[in-house]
Structures are given as C-alpha cells and as structure tokens.
Amino acid sequence: MTSEKSSSPAPGTFNDPRPGERAGLARAVRPRDAATLILWRDGPRGIELLMGRRHEGHRFMPGQWVFPGGRLDRTDLYTPAAPLRDAVAAALCRAAPPRRAHGLGVAAIRETFEETGLMIGIEDNRAKRLAGGPLAAFAEAGLVPALDTLDLVARAITPPYRPMRFNARFFLAPAGAARGEARPSPELTEVDWVPLPEARQLDLPRITGVVLGVIEQRLSGADRRIPAFSHRHGRQVVDYEG
C-alpha cells in the first residue's frame, strides 16, 4: 500500500475484531475488491446521504444501515463507461492497476443501480454493448456508467480473521448525477435520504460511522485527503492515498 503518511487511530474506531471472530480460521481470508457509492444532496435538513438497511438474512452486516455497494465483478472490468477523472484514477491506481480501477468505478454505479434503481450514466453509442447484462436498463436508455461523476473519498480493508473480508473503495457523487427515484430492493429493504447528523444514530457498521466523518470533512472542504483504513502487524492504521 502506497501512502503519504500513516497513523494509528484510537482503538475501536473502525472494524476492530470482536471477541471470537477468529474462531475456526487458521489464517486470514484474502479480501475481495468491492466498491461503495455515497450519493449526497443539500436537503431541507442540511446534507442528506442516500442509505439503505440491509436485509436481515444477509451474512454480512445483516439489518444494518449502509451505503449502496458490493463486490467487484469480472464484467465490471470490461464495461464501457465514461472514464474516471485523472485525479480519481491516479488515487485508485496507488492500490490497483488501471483496468481494476475502472472496474471499481463501474461496480459502484452498478451496485447502486441494483440496490436502489438509480442510474448514473451518460448517453453513449457503446450502450448497446450492455444489453443482456446487469446494466441492460442502461442499454435501453442509451447510457453507459458515468465514472467522471465519482470522487474517491476512502478505502477500507476488513480486519484479518473475519470469515468475509473486503477491500472496499468509497466513492462520493452528487445526487444530481443520478436518474430515477430511489426504491428498496432485495438487498436493501429500506432506502432513504438521511441527514448526516441523524445517520450517526442509525445501526451502522463501524466503518460506515468512520466514513461519515470523512464525508463531513470532504464536503466542508476541511480535509480532502483519501484515508485508507487497514490493519498492520496487529494494529489499526490509516494511510493516505491522495
């Protein structure tokens, strides 16, 4: 992991292993690449974020409130899309090759569509190549994913010795980039625009609570660094990737 500098946060700030989570695991599971998209808007109650409550039957974070997202699929690597902005691509490529960086942006938009019905796209003749796949609705609308709407705000790797681990990138985009109305899905049984202060009161995964603070700093202009949360030699660390 390339970094500008790193530090150790206070214990318990993000995803530290709970007692018993190492049971039955001889070694740490390799994390899978994943992407999350945080849509935001200025609402009557201040900054609002699109969040959803995960189905109670999920193995990972059941019943908790999260941002739309999920793991990278191989098809994401080859999906035609408007390219990432140079600064975003450069930050992603500190920990991923260019094709994977592209795929992560696609994954964030695809998962948001699958979980909320919102489409973040731009008209493009290549849209017909999406027919028959997970973004077939984009093809029908003549759209390809608009990766140029995305900012990278954080990265987080699930701690070792958990049965499911992800190397997740958190993207931020304005609500105006999305088409349609947000609705629930089998993945997210409730979907709502939540004022940022109220979001902290929800049942959240710990990393989601940490990323809320990152978003607040980013949108206020106080700090535009891109933190990467991980564990090293048994300690929680934060590196900065941009």
Foldseek 3Di string as FASTA:
>chain_A
DDFPDKDFDDPPQAQDDDPPLLPPPPWFDDAFAKEFEWAWDQDPLGIWTKWFAFDQPDPPNHRFIDTFMDGFDPVLLVFDAADADPVQQQLVCVPDPNSVSSSNLSRNQLRCCQFWVKHQWDADPCLCVCCPHSVNVCSVVNTGHHNHQKDWQEWEWNATSHPHIHGYTYIYGYPVSIDDGTDGHNGGNDIDTGPLVVSCVTRHRSVRNVVSVSVVCVVVVNDRWYWYWYDDPRGIMIGTRD
